[in-house]
Amino acid sequence: MRKWMGVPVASAMLLSACVTINVYFPAAEARDAAREFVEKVISDPTAKPAEDGPASGGGGMAALSRRLDLGTTRFDPWMLLGIGSAQAQSAAPDITIKTPAIQAIQSRMEARFNSTLRSGFDSGALGFTSDGLIAVRDPSKIALKDRVGMNAAVADDNRDRKAVYREVAVANGHPEWEDQLRGIFAKQWISSARAGWWYQQGGVWKQK
């Protein structure tokens, strides 16, 4: 009987491993989702699309690298524990931003950015804060007649920003991810900021 005592222990270890790999925060997937969301909101509909080339994130060597990567067989350490590829894939879930609620928020933010906020960023009046929101950095750069409307747009946008961080976490079945998602989105807003726009870093305003 003694030789079978190790079986329950091994089973428990295997179960523990499965549980552990299924609950980690998928940071890479979250960054991809944040980039897609942010670029859709702040993209200029009047700008000429960038050509697909080596410097473009959507093609060239980057696309070739992705294609080669998909065709490469990689060693999977979980196979040593008998965990198949389907289980391994569950450890790296996609972060969905395609729910009706999230897309409705995204559409509002995109329309608001094009109608009001873009001019505030272009003039230097507005800036991205380090906590994933926006703020009026320099009111003097907003015409007096436009200040009430700009302040209202900033307040509305910040409400939508808080809502989308919460909604993305809930839509993906992990409300506890909200703070982590907000941090990733905050970095992405700054990373995607266009040249000349302002952002906050360490409590200090900087210009891109």
N, C-alpha and C. Protein backbone atom coordinates (compact mmCIF):
# COMPACT_ATOMS: atom_id res chain seq x y z
N MET A 1 0.83 -1.21 0.00
CA MET A 1 0.00 0.00 0.00
C MET A 1 0.86 1.26 0.00
N ARG A 2 2.07 1.14 0.59
CA ARG A 2 2.90 2.33 0.74
C ARG A 2 3.31 2.92 -0.60
N LYS A 3 3.49 2.06 -1.62
CA LYS A 3 3.96 2.58 -2.91
C LYS A 3 2.92 3.45 -3.60
N TRP A 4 1.64 3.36 -3.17
CA TRP A 4 0.58 4.18 -3.78
C TRP A 4 0.36 5.51 -3.05
N MET A 5 1.06 5.69 -1.94
CA MET A 5 0.84 6.90 -1.16
C MET A 5 1.23 8.17 -1.93
N GLY A 6 2.16 8.02 -2.87
CA GLY A 6 2.60 9.19 -3.62
C GLY A 6 1.62 9.66 -4.66
N VAL A 7 0.65 8.79 -5.03
CA VAL A 7 -0.29 9.14 -6.08
C VAL A 7 -1.19 10.31 -5.70
N PRO A 8 -1.84 10.29 -4.51
CA PRO A 8 -2.66 11.44 -4.14
C PRO A 8 -1.87 12.74 -4.07
N VAL A 9 -0.61 12.63 -3.60
CA VAL A 9 0.23 13.82 -3.50
C VAL A 9 0.51 14.38 -4.88
N ALA A 10 0.86 13.49 -5.84
CA ALA A 10 1.14 13.94 -7.20
C ALA A 10 -0.10 14.55 -7.84
N SER A 11 -1.25 13.93 -7.57
CA SER A 11 -2.51 14.45 -8.13
C SER A 11 -2.81 15.84 -7.59
N ALA A 12 -2.58 16.01 -6.29
CA ALA A 12 -2.83 17.31 -5.66
C ALA A 12 -1.91 18.37 -6.24
N MET A 13 -0.64 18.00 -6.47
CA MET A 13 0.32 18.95 -7.04
C MET A 13 -0.10 19.35 -8.46
N LEU A 14 -0.58 18.35 -9.22
CA LEU A 14 -1.01 18.61 -10.59
C LEU A 14 -2.21 19.54 -10.60
N LEU A 15 -3.18 19.27 -9.71
CA LEU A 15 -4.37 20.12 -9.63
C LEU A 15 -4.00 21.53 -9.23
N SER A 16 -3.06 21.64 -8.29
CA SER A 16 -2.61 22.96 -7.85
C SER A 16 -1.97 23.72 -9.00
N ALA A 17 -1.18 23.01 -9.82
CA ALA A 17 -0.53 23.65 -10.96
C ALA A 17 -1.55 24.16 -11.95
N CYS A 18 -2.60 23.35 -12.20
CA CYS A 18 -3.63 23.76 -13.15
C CYS A 18 -4.34 25.01 -12.67
N VAL A 19 -4.66 25.05 -11.36
CA VAL A 19 -5.36 26.20 -10.81
C VAL A 19 -4.49 27.45 -10.89
N THR A 20 -3.20 27.27 -10.60
CA THR A 20 -2.29 28.41 -10.60
C THR A 20 -2.16 29.05 -11.97
N ILE A 21 -2.00 28.23 -13.02
CA ILE A 21 -1.78 28.80 -14.34
C ILE A 21 -3.04 29.42 -14.92
N ASN A 22 -4.20 29.10 -14.35
CA ASN A 22 -5.45 29.61 -14.90
C ASN A 22 -5.88 30.95 -14.31
N VAL A 23 -5.18 31.45 -13.29
CA VAL A 23 -5.65 32.67 -12.64
C VAL A 23 -4.67 33.84 -12.74
N TYR A 24 -3.56 33.65 -13.41
CA TYR A 24 -2.59 34.75 -13.47
C TYR A 24 -3.10 35.86 -14.38
N PHE A 25 -2.61 37.07 -14.14
CA PHE A 25 -3.04 38.22 -14.94
C PHE A 25 -2.29 38.24 -16.27
N PRO A 26 -3.00 38.17 -17.39
CA PRO A 26 -2.36 38.12 -18.72
C PRO A 26 -1.91 39.50 -19.18
N ALA A 27 -0.77 39.94 -18.71
CA ALA A 27 -0.32 41.31 -18.96
C ALA A 27 -0.10 41.60 -20.45
N ALA A 28 0.51 40.67 -21.18
CA ALA A 28 0.78 40.91 -22.60
C ALA A 28 -0.51 41.08 -23.37
N GLU A 29 -1.49 40.23 -23.09
CA GLU A 29 -2.77 40.33 -23.78
C GLU A 29 -3.50 41.62 -23.40
N ALA A 30 -3.36 42.02 -22.14
CA ALA A 30 -3.98 43.27 -21.68
C ALA A 30 -3.35 44.46 -22.39
N ARG A 31 -2.04 44.43 -22.59
CA ARG A 31 -1.38 45.53 -23.30
C ARG A 31 -1.86 45.62 -24.74
N ASP A 32 -2.03 44.47 -25.39
CA ASP A 32 -2.53 44.46 -26.77
C ASP A 32 -3.94 45.04 -26.84
N ALA A 33 -4.79 44.64 -25.88
CA ALA A 33 -6.17 45.14 -25.86
C ALA A 33 -6.19 46.65 -25.60
N ALA A 34 -5.35 47.10 -24.67
CA ALA A 34 -5.30 48.53 -24.36
C ALA A 34 -4.84 49.33 -25.57
N ARG A 35 -3.84 48.80 -26.28
CA ARG A 35 -3.34 49.51 -27.47
C ARG A 35 -4.44 49.62 -28.53
N GLU A 36 -5.17 48.55 -28.74
CA GLU A 36 -6.25 48.57 -29.73
C GLU A 36 -7.33 49.58 -29.34
N PHE A 37 -7.70 49.58 -28.07
CA PHE A 37 -8.74 50.50 -27.60
C PHE A 37 -8.29 51.94 -27.71
N VAL A 38 -7.11 52.23 -27.22
CA VAL A 38 -6.60 53.61 -27.18
C VAL A 38 -6.42 54.18 -28.58
N GLU A 39 -5.82 53.40 -29.47
CA GLU A 39 -5.58 53.91 -30.81
C GLU A 39 -6.89 54.19 -31.55
N LYS A 40 -7.92 53.39 -31.27
CA LYS A 40 -9.22 53.63 -31.90
C LYS A 40 -9.80 54.96 -31.41
N VAL A 41 -9.60 55.26 -30.14
CA VAL A 41 -10.16 56.49 -29.56
C VAL A 41 -9.44 57.73 -30.08
N ILE A 42 -8.12 57.71 -30.11
CA ILE A 42 -7.39 58.94 -30.42
C ILE A 42 -6.94 59.06 -31.87
N SER A 43 -7.21 58.04 -32.70
CA SER A 43 -6.77 58.12 -34.08
C SER A 43 -7.47 59.27 -34.79
N ASP A 44 -6.74 59.95 -35.63
CA ASP A 44 -7.28 61.10 -36.36
C ASP A 44 -7.93 60.61 -37.64
N PRO A 45 -9.25 60.74 -37.78
CA PRO A 45 -9.92 60.24 -38.98
C PRO A 45 -9.51 60.95 -40.25
N THR A 46 -8.88 62.12 -40.12
CA THR A 46 -8.46 62.87 -41.31
C THR A 46 -7.01 62.58 -41.69
N ALA A 47 -6.30 61.83 -40.84
CA ALA A 47 -4.89 61.55 -41.11
C ALA A 47 -4.74 60.44 -42.15
N LYS A 48 -3.68 60.53 -42.94
CA LYS A 48 -3.40 59.51 -43.94
C LYS A 48 -2.87 58.27 -43.25
N PRO A 49 -3.41 57.08 -43.56
CA PRO A 49 -2.95 55.84 -42.93
C PRO A 49 -1.48 55.60 -43.24
N ALA A 50 -0.76 55.10 -42.24
CA ALA A 50 0.66 54.79 -42.44
C ALA A 50 0.80 53.57 -43.32
N GLU A 51 1.81 53.58 -44.20
CA GLU A 51 2.04 52.44 -45.08
C GLU A 51 2.62 51.29 -44.29
N ASP A 52 2.27 50.09 -44.73
CA ASP A 52 2.76 48.89 -44.07
C ASP A 52 4.19 48.65 -44.47
N GLY A 53 5.10 48.72 -43.53
CA GLY A 53 6.51 48.52 -43.85
C GLY A 53 7.27 48.08 -42.63
N PRO A 54 8.61 48.05 -42.72
CA PRO A 54 9.43 47.57 -41.61
C PRO A 54 9.21 48.34 -40.33
N ALA A 55 8.88 49.65 -40.43
CA ALA A 55 8.72 50.45 -39.22
C ALA A 55 7.30 50.38 -38.69
N SER A 56 6.41 49.76 -39.44
CA SER A 56 5.01 49.70 -39.03
C SER A 56 4.77 48.51 -38.15
N GLY A 57 4.02 48.71 -37.06
CA GLY A 57 3.73 47.61 -36.15
C GLY A 57 2.81 46.58 -36.76
N GLY A 58 2.12 46.91 -37.87
CA GLY A 58 1.16 45.98 -38.43
C GLY A 58 1.72 45.10 -39.52
N GLY A 59 2.99 45.29 -39.93
CA GLY A 59 3.49 44.47 -41.02
C GLY A 59 4.99 44.40 -41.02
N GLY A 60 5.59 44.18 -42.23
CA GLY A 60 7.02 44.10 -42.35
C GLY A 60 7.60 42.98 -41.51
N MET A 61 8.73 43.27 -40.88
CA MET A 61 9.42 42.26 -40.08
C MET A 61 8.60 41.82 -38.89
N ALA A 62 7.79 42.76 -38.32
CA ALA A 62 6.98 42.38 -37.17
C ALA A 62 5.97 41.31 -37.55
N ALA A 63 5.31 41.52 -38.73
CA ALA A 63 4.33 40.53 -39.18
C ALA A 63 5.02 39.21 -39.51
N LEU A 64 6.20 39.30 -40.18
CA LEU A 64 6.93 38.09 -40.51
C LEU A 64 7.31 37.33 -39.26
N SER A 65 7.75 38.08 -38.23
CA SER A 65 8.13 37.44 -36.97
C SER A 65 6.95 36.71 -36.36
N ARG A 66 5.75 37.35 -36.42
CA ARG A 66 4.58 36.69 -35.86
C ARG A 66 4.25 35.42 -36.62
N ARG A 67 4.38 35.47 -37.98
CA ARG A 67 4.07 34.29 -38.76
C ARG A 67 5.05 33.16 -38.48
N LEU A 68 6.34 33.50 -38.37
CA LEU A 68 7.33 32.48 -38.06
C LEU A 68 7.10 31.89 -36.68
N ASP A 69 6.72 32.78 -35.74
CA ASP A 69 6.49 32.33 -34.37
C ASP A 69 5.34 31.34 -34.30
N LEU A 70 4.31 31.58 -35.12
CA LEU A 70 3.15 30.68 -35.11
C LEU A 70 3.52 29.32 -35.67
N GLY A 71 4.54 29.30 -36.53
CA GLY A 71 4.91 28.02 -37.12
C GLY A 71 6.04 27.32 -36.40
N THR A 72 6.46 27.85 -35.29
CA THR A 72 7.57 27.27 -34.55
C THR A 72 7.09 26.41 -33.40
N THR A 73 7.64 25.24 -33.29
CA THR A 73 7.27 24.35 -32.19
C THR A 73 8.13 24.69 -31.00
N ARG A 74 7.50 25.00 -29.89
CA ARG A 74 8.24 25.39 -28.70
C ARG A 74 8.08 24.36 -27.60
N PHE A 75 9.08 24.23 -26.80
CA PHE A 75 9.02 23.30 -25.68
C PHE A 75 8.05 23.80 -24.63
N ASP A 76 7.15 22.95 -24.23
CA ASP A 76 6.14 23.30 -23.25
C ASP A 76 6.44 22.55 -21.95
N PRO A 77 6.93 23.25 -20.91
CA PRO A 77 7.29 22.57 -19.67
C PRO A 77 6.11 21.91 -18.99
N TRP A 78 4.88 22.37 -19.26
CA TRP A 78 3.72 21.75 -18.62
C TRP A 78 3.46 20.35 -19.15
N MET A 79 4.05 20.01 -20.32
CA MET A 79 3.88 18.66 -20.85
C MET A 79 4.52 17.62 -19.94
N LEU A 80 5.53 18.05 -19.18
CA LEU A 80 6.17 17.14 -18.24
C LEU A 80 5.22 16.71 -17.13
N LEU A 81 4.21 17.56 -16.88
CA LEU A 81 3.21 17.24 -15.85
C LEU A 81 1.95 16.66 -16.46
N GLY A 82 1.99 16.42 -17.78
CA GLY A 82 0.83 15.83 -18.42
C GLY A 82 -0.24 16.83 -18.77
N ILE A 83 0.10 18.15 -18.80
CA ILE A 83 -0.88 19.18 -19.13
C ILE A 83 -0.80 19.45 -20.62
N GLY A 84 -1.88 19.24 -21.32
CA GLY A 84 -1.91 19.36 -22.75
C GLY A 84 -1.90 20.79 -23.22
N SER A 85 -1.80 20.98 -24.54
CA SER A 85 -1.73 22.32 -25.11
C SER A 85 -3.01 23.12 -24.87
N ALA A 86 -4.16 22.45 -24.85
CA ALA A 86 -5.42 23.16 -24.62
C ALA A 86 -5.43 23.80 -23.25
N GLN A 87 -4.89 23.06 -22.24
CA GLN A 87 -4.82 23.62 -20.90
C GLN A 87 -3.81 24.74 -20.83
N ALA A 88 -2.70 24.60 -21.56
CA ALA A 88 -1.67 25.64 -21.55
C ALA A 88 -2.22 26.92 -22.15
N GLN A 89 -3.05 26.80 -23.20
CA GLN A 89 -3.61 27.98 -23.83
C GLN A 89 -4.51 28.75 -22.88
N SER A 90 -5.16 28.02 -21.95
CA SER A 90 -6.05 28.71 -21.02
C SER A 90 -5.27 29.59 -20.06
N ALA A 91 -3.93 29.36 -19.99
CA ALA A 91 -3.11 30.19 -19.12
C ALA A 91 -2.83 31.55 -19.74
N ALA A 92 -3.10 31.69 -21.04
CA ALA A 92 -2.86 32.96 -21.72
C ALA A 92 -4.12 33.40 -22.46
N PRO A 93 -5.17 33.76 -21.74
CA PRO A 93 -6.44 34.12 -22.37
C PRO A 93 -6.36 35.47 -23.07
N ASP A 94 -7.19 35.63 -24.08
CA ASP A 94 -7.31 36.94 -24.70
C ASP A 94 -8.11 37.85 -23.76
N ILE A 95 -7.81 39.14 -23.81
CA ILE A 95 -8.59 40.11 -23.07
C ILE A 95 -9.59 40.71 -24.05
N THR A 96 -10.85 40.44 -23.85
CA THR A 96 -11.85 40.93 -24.79
C THR A 96 -12.25 42.37 -24.49
N ILE A 97 -12.37 43.15 -25.57
CA ILE A 97 -12.89 44.51 -25.45
C ILE A 97 -14.04 44.68 -26.44
N LYS A 98 -14.64 43.56 -26.81
CA LYS A 98 -15.66 43.56 -27.85
C LYS A 98 -17.09 43.42 -27.33
N THR A 99 -17.31 43.64 -26.06
CA THR A 99 -18.68 43.56 -25.55
C THR A 99 -19.44 44.83 -25.94
N PRO A 100 -20.76 44.75 -26.02
CA PRO A 100 -21.55 45.95 -26.37
C PRO A 100 -21.29 47.12 -25.43
N ALA A 101 -21.16 46.84 -24.12
CA ALA A 101 -20.94 47.91 -23.15
C ALA A 101 -19.60 48.61 -23.38
N ILE A 102 -18.55 47.83 -23.61
CA ILE A 102 -17.23 48.40 -23.83
C ILE A 102 -17.19 49.18 -25.14
N GLN A 103 -17.78 48.64 -26.17
CA GLN A 103 -17.76 49.31 -27.46
C GLN A 103 -18.59 50.60 -27.45
N ALA A 104 -19.65 50.61 -26.63
CA ALA A 104 -20.45 51.84 -26.51
C ALA A 104 -19.62 52.94 -25.85
N ILE A 105 -18.86 52.58 -24.81
CA ILE A 105 -17.99 53.55 -24.15
C ILE A 105 -16.92 54.04 -25.11
N GLN A 106 -16.34 53.11 -25.84
CA GLN A 106 -15.29 53.46 -26.80
C GLN A 106 -15.81 54.43 -27.86
N SER A 107 -17.02 54.19 -28.35
CA SER A 107 -17.60 55.07 -29.36
C SER A 107 -17.83 56.47 -28.82
N ARG A 108 -18.31 56.56 -27.57
CA ARG A 108 -18.51 57.87 -26.95
C ARG A 108 -17.19 58.61 -26.81
N MET A 109 -16.17 57.89 -26.35
CA MET A 109 -14.87 58.52 -26.15
C MET A 109 -14.26 58.98 -27.46
N GLU A 110 -14.42 58.17 -28.50
CA GLU A 110 -13.86 58.53 -29.81
C GLU A 110 -14.55 59.78 -30.34
N ALA A 111 -15.88 59.83 -30.25
CA ALA A 111 -16.63 60.99 -30.73
C ALA A 111 -16.27 62.24 -29.93
N ARG A 112 -16.13 62.10 -28.63
CA ARG A 112 -15.79 63.23 -27.76
C ARG A 112 -14.37 63.74 -28.05
N PHE A 113 -13.47 62.79 -28.31
CA PHE A 113 -12.08 63.19 -28.57
C PHE A 113 -12.00 63.99 -29.86
N ASN A 114 -12.71 63.52 -30.89
CA ASN A 114 -12.65 64.21 -32.18
C ASN A 114 -13.38 65.55 -32.16
N SER A 115 -14.45 65.63 -31.38
CA SER A 115 -15.24 66.86 -31.38
C SER A 115 -14.69 67.95 -30.46
N THR A 116 -14.06 67.53 -29.35
CA THR A 116 -13.66 68.52 -28.33
C THR A 116 -12.25 68.33 -27.81
N LEU A 117 -11.93 67.13 -27.33
CA LEU A 117 -10.69 66.93 -26.58
C LEU A 117 -9.43 67.04 -27.42
N ARG A 118 -9.49 66.62 -28.69
CA ARG A 118 -8.28 66.66 -29.52
C ARG A 118 -7.69 68.07 -29.58
N SER A 119 -8.55 69.06 -29.73
CA SER A 119 -8.07 70.45 -29.80
C SER A 119 -7.39 70.85 -28.50
N GLY A 120 -7.89 70.32 -27.38
CA GLY A 120 -7.27 70.61 -26.09
C GLY A 120 -5.89 70.00 -25.96
N PHE A 121 -5.72 68.79 -26.50
CA PHE A 121 -4.40 68.17 -26.47
C PHE A 121 -3.45 68.85 -27.45
N ASP A 122 -3.96 69.20 -28.63
CA ASP A 122 -3.11 69.86 -29.63
C ASP A 122 -2.61 71.23 -29.14
N SER A 123 -3.44 71.93 -28.38
CA SER A 123 -3.05 73.26 -27.90
C SER A 123 -2.17 73.19 -26.64
N GLY A 124 -2.15 72.03 -25.99
CA GLY A 124 -1.38 71.91 -24.75
C GLY A 124 -2.20 72.19 -23.51
N ALA A 125 -3.50 72.41 -23.70
CA ALA A 125 -4.36 72.69 -22.55
C ALA A 125 -4.61 71.45 -21.71
N LEU A 126 -4.68 70.29 -22.36
CA LEU A 126 -4.98 69.04 -21.67
C LEU A 126 -3.78 68.12 -21.64
N GLY A 127 -3.82 67.16 -20.75
CA GLY A 127 -2.75 66.17 -20.67
C GLY A 127 -3.25 64.88 -20.08
N PHE A 128 -2.53 63.80 -20.36
CA PHE A 128 -2.85 62.49 -19.79
C PHE A 128 -2.21 62.39 -18.41
N THR A 129 -2.98 61.97 -17.42
CA THR A 129 -2.43 61.82 -16.07
C THR A 129 -1.85 60.42 -15.92
N SER A 130 -1.09 60.22 -14.87
CA SER A 130 -0.43 58.94 -14.66
C SER A 130 -1.37 57.85 -14.15
N ASP A 131 -2.62 58.22 -13.83
CA ASP A 131 -3.57 57.22 -13.34
C ASP A 131 -4.66 56.90 -14.35
N GLY A 132 -4.38 57.15 -15.63
CA GLY A 132 -5.31 56.74 -16.67
C GLY A 132 -6.44 57.71 -16.94
N LEU A 133 -6.35 58.93 -16.43
CA LEU A 133 -7.38 59.93 -16.66
C LEU A 133 -6.79 61.06 -17.51
N ILE A 134 -7.57 62.15 -17.69
CA ILE A 134 -7.05 63.35 -18.34
C ILE A 134 -7.34 64.54 -17.44
N ALA A 135 -6.57 65.60 -17.64
CA ALA A 135 -6.73 66.78 -16.79
C ALA A 135 -6.49 68.05 -17.60
N VAL A 136 -7.09 69.14 -17.13
CA VAL A 136 -6.82 70.46 -17.72
C VAL A 136 -5.48 70.91 -17.15
N ARG A 137 -4.47 70.94 -17.99
CA ARG A 137 -3.12 71.28 -17.55
C ARG A 137 -2.89 72.77 -17.55
N ASP A 138 -3.43 73.46 -18.56
CA ASP A 138 -3.21 74.90 -18.70
C ASP A 138 -4.49 75.56 -19.22
N PRO A 139 -5.36 76.01 -18.31
CA PRO A 139 -6.64 76.61 -18.72
C PRO A 139 -6.47 77.84 -19.63
N SER A 140 -5.33 78.51 -19.53
CA SER A 140 -5.14 79.73 -20.31
C SER A 140 -5.10 79.44 -21.82
N LYS A 141 -4.87 78.19 -22.18
CA LYS A 141 -4.81 77.83 -23.58
C LYS A 141 -6.19 77.48 -24.15
N ILE A 142 -7.21 77.62 -23.33
CA ILE A 142 -8.59 77.38 -23.78
C ILE A 142 -9.30 78.73 -23.85
N ALA A 143 -9.90 79.01 -24.97
CA ALA A 143 -10.64 80.27 -25.12
C ALA A 143 -11.73 80.35 -24.06
N LEU A 144 -11.94 81.52 -23.53
CA LEU A 144 -12.90 81.70 -22.43
C LEU A 144 -14.27 81.12 -22.78
N LYS A 145 -14.71 81.32 -23.99
CA LYS A 145 -16.02 80.83 -24.40
C LYS A 145 -16.09 79.30 -24.47
N ASP A 146 -14.93 78.66 -24.53
CA ASP A 146 -14.90 77.20 -24.67
C ASP A 146 -14.61 76.47 -23.36
N ARG A 147 -14.33 77.20 -22.30
CA ARG A 147 -13.87 76.55 -21.07
C ARG A 147 -14.93 75.68 -20.41
N VAL A 148 -16.17 76.15 -20.39
CA VAL A 148 -17.22 75.36 -19.77
C VAL A 148 -17.40 74.04 -20.52
N GLY A 149 -17.44 74.11 -21.84
CA GLY A 149 -17.60 72.91 -22.65
C GLY A 149 -16.43 71.96 -22.52
N MET A 150 -15.20 72.50 -22.46
CA MET A 150 -14.02 71.65 -22.33
C MET A 150 -13.99 70.97 -20.96
N ASN A 151 -14.30 71.71 -19.91
CA ASN A 151 -14.33 71.11 -18.57
C ASN A 151 -15.38 70.02 -18.47
N ALA A 152 -16.52 70.23 -19.11
CA ALA A 152 -17.58 69.21 -19.10
C ALA A 152 -17.12 67.96 -19.86
N ALA A 153 -16.43 68.17 -20.99
CA ALA A 153 -15.95 67.04 -21.77
C ALA A 153 -14.89 66.24 -21.00
N VAL A 154 -14.03 66.94 -20.28
CA VAL A 154 -13.02 66.27 -19.47
C VAL A 154 -13.67 65.43 -18.37
N ALA A 155 -14.67 65.99 -17.71
CA ALA A 155 -15.36 65.26 -16.65
C ALA A 155 -16.09 64.04 -17.21
N ASP A 156 -16.75 64.20 -18.35
CA ASP A 156 -17.46 63.07 -18.97
C ASP A 156 -16.48 61.98 -19.39
N ASP A 157 -15.35 62.40 -19.94
CA ASP A 157 -14.37 61.43 -20.41
C ASP A 157 -13.76 60.65 -19.25
N ASN A 158 -13.50 61.33 -18.15
CA ASN A 158 -12.94 60.63 -16.99
C ASN A 158 -13.93 59.62 -16.41
N ARG A 159 -15.22 59.95 -16.47
CA ARG A 159 -16.22 58.98 -16.03
C ARG A 159 -16.20 57.75 -16.93
N ASP A 160 -16.09 57.97 -18.22
CA ASP A 160 -16.04 56.85 -19.15
C ASP A 160 -14.76 56.04 -18.98
N ARG A 161 -13.66 56.71 -18.70
CA ARG A 161 -12.40 56.00 -18.50
C ARG A 161 -12.50 55.07 -17.29
N LYS A 162 -13.01 55.56 -16.20
CA LYS A 162 -13.17 54.71 -15.01
C LYS A 162 -14.11 53.54 -15.31
N ALA A 163 -15.16 53.85 -16.06
CA ALA A 163 -16.14 52.81 -16.38
C ALA A 163 -15.53 51.73 -17.26
N VAL A 164 -14.69 52.11 -18.22
CA VAL A 164 -14.16 51.11 -19.14
C VAL A 164 -13.14 50.21 -18.45
N TYR A 165 -12.35 50.74 -17.53
CA TYR A 165 -11.41 49.89 -16.81
C TYR A 165 -12.16 48.84 -16.00
N ARG A 166 -13.24 49.28 -15.38
CA ARG A 166 -14.07 48.36 -14.59
C ARG A 166 -14.78 47.35 -15.51
N GLU A 167 -15.30 47.85 -16.63
CA GLU A 167 -16.07 46.99 -17.53
C GLU A 167 -15.20 45.92 -18.18
N VAL A 168 -13.97 46.27 -18.55
CA VAL A 168 -13.07 45.29 -19.16
C VAL A 168 -12.76 44.18 -18.16
N ALA A 169 -12.51 44.56 -16.91
CA ALA A 169 -12.23 43.56 -15.88
C ALA A 169 -13.42 42.63 -15.67
N VAL A 170 -14.61 43.21 -15.56
CA VAL A 170 -15.82 42.41 -15.34
C VAL A 170 -16.12 41.54 -16.55
N ALA A 171 -15.98 42.09 -17.75
CA ALA A 171 -16.28 41.34 -18.97
C ALA A 171 -15.38 40.13 -19.13
N ASN A 172 -14.19 40.19 -18.57
CA ASN A 172 -13.26 39.07 -18.66
C ASN A 172 -13.30 38.16 -17.44
N GLY A 173 -14.31 38.37 -16.59
CA GLY A 173 -14.54 37.46 -15.46
C GLY A 173 -13.63 37.66 -14.27
N HIS A 174 -12.91 38.80 -14.23
CA HIS A 174 -12.00 39.04 -13.11
C HIS A 174 -12.10 40.49 -12.65
N PRO A 175 -13.12 40.84 -11.89
CA PRO A 175 -13.25 42.22 -11.40
C PRO A 175 -12.02 42.69 -10.63
N GLU A 176 -11.29 41.75 -10.03
CA GLU A 176 -10.11 42.11 -9.24
C GLU A 176 -8.95 42.61 -10.13
N TRP A 177 -9.08 42.48 -11.44
CA TRP A 177 -8.04 42.96 -12.35
C TRP A 177 -8.17 44.45 -12.66
N GLU A 178 -9.17 45.11 -12.14
CA GLU A 178 -9.44 46.50 -12.53
C GLU A 178 -8.24 47.41 -12.34
N ASP A 179 -7.59 47.34 -11.19
CA ASP A 179 -6.45 48.23 -10.93
C ASP A 179 -5.29 47.95 -11.88
N GLN A 180 -5.05 46.65 -12.15
CA GLN A 180 -3.96 46.30 -13.07
C GLN A 180 -4.27 46.77 -14.49
N LEU A 181 -5.51 46.60 -14.91
CA LEU A 181 -5.90 47.07 -16.24
C LEU A 181 -5.79 48.58 -16.34
N ARG A 182 -6.21 49.26 -15.29
CA ARG A 182 -6.12 50.72 -15.30
C ARG A 182 -4.67 51.17 -15.44
N GLY A 183 -3.76 50.49 -14.75
CA GLY A 183 -2.35 50.83 -14.86
C GLY A 183 -1.81 50.63 -16.26
N ILE A 184 -2.23 49.54 -16.90
CA ILE A 184 -1.78 49.26 -18.26
C ILE A 184 -2.36 50.27 -19.24
N PHE A 185 -3.64 50.59 -19.08
CA PHE A 185 -4.25 51.60 -19.95
C PHE A 185 -3.57 52.96 -19.74
N ALA A 186 -3.26 53.30 -18.49
CA ALA A 186 -2.62 54.59 -18.21
C ALA A 186 -1.31 54.71 -18.98
N LYS A 187 -0.52 53.66 -18.99
CA LYS A 187 0.74 53.69 -19.72
C LYS A 187 0.51 53.76 -21.22
N GLN A 188 -0.56 53.11 -21.69
CA GLN A 188 -0.82 53.09 -23.12
C GLN A 188 -1.28 54.45 -23.63
N TRP A 189 -2.11 55.16 -22.85
CA TRP A 189 -2.51 56.51 -23.27
C TRP A 189 -1.27 57.38 -23.50
N ILE A 190 -0.32 57.27 -22.59
CA ILE A 190 0.91 58.07 -22.69
C ILE A 190 1.76 57.59 -23.87
N SER A 191 1.87 56.26 -24.01
CA SER A 191 2.67 55.71 -25.10
C SER A 191 2.12 56.10 -26.47
N SER A 192 0.78 56.15 -26.57
CA SER A 192 0.14 56.48 -27.84
C SER A 192 0.00 57.98 -28.09
N ALA A 193 0.33 58.79 -27.09
CA ALA A 193 0.20 60.25 -27.25
C ALA A 193 1.00 60.73 -28.45
N ARG A 194 0.44 61.67 -29.17
CA ARG A 194 1.11 62.20 -30.35
C ARG A 194 2.17 63.24 -29.95
N ALA A 195 3.08 63.47 -30.86
CA ALA A 195 4.14 64.46 -30.59
C ALA A 195 3.52 65.82 -30.25
N GLY A 196 4.03 66.42 -29.19
CA GLY A 196 3.54 67.72 -28.75
C GLY A 196 2.50 67.65 -27.66
N TRP A 197 1.90 66.48 -27.45
CA TRP A 197 0.92 66.33 -26.38
C TRP A 197 1.62 66.22 -25.04
N TRP A 198 0.88 66.53 -23.97
CA TRP A 198 1.44 66.52 -22.63
C TRP A 198 0.96 65.30 -21.84
N TYR A 199 1.82 64.86 -20.93
CA TYR A 199 1.48 63.73 -20.06
C TYR A 199 2.17 63.93 -18.72
N GLN A 200 1.66 63.23 -17.73
CA GLN A 200 2.18 63.37 -16.37
C GLN A 200 3.07 62.17 -16.01
N GLN A 201 4.19 62.47 -15.42
CA GLN A 201 5.11 61.41 -14.98
C GLN A 201 5.75 61.83 -13.67
N GLY A 202 5.52 61.03 -12.65
CA GLY A 202 6.07 61.38 -11.34
C GLY A 202 5.56 62.70 -10.81
N GLY A 203 4.32 63.03 -11.18
CA GLY A 203 3.73 64.29 -10.71
C GLY A 203 4.18 65.50 -11.49
N VAL A 204 4.99 65.30 -12.54
CA VAL A 204 5.51 66.41 -13.34
C VAL A 204 4.95 66.31 -14.75
N TRP A 205 4.55 67.43 -15.33
CA TRP A 205 4.06 67.44 -16.71
C TRP A 205 5.22 67.46 -17.67
N LYS A 206 5.14 66.60 -18.69
CA LYS A 206 6.17 66.52 -19.71
C LYS A 206 5.49 66.55 -21.08
N GLN A 207 6.24 67.04 -22.06
CA GLN A 207 5.70 67.10 -23.42
C GLN A 207 6.38 66.07 -24.30
N LYS A 208 5.59 65.40 -25.09
CA LYS A 208 6.16 64.38 -25.99
C LYS A 208 6.83 65.05 -27.18
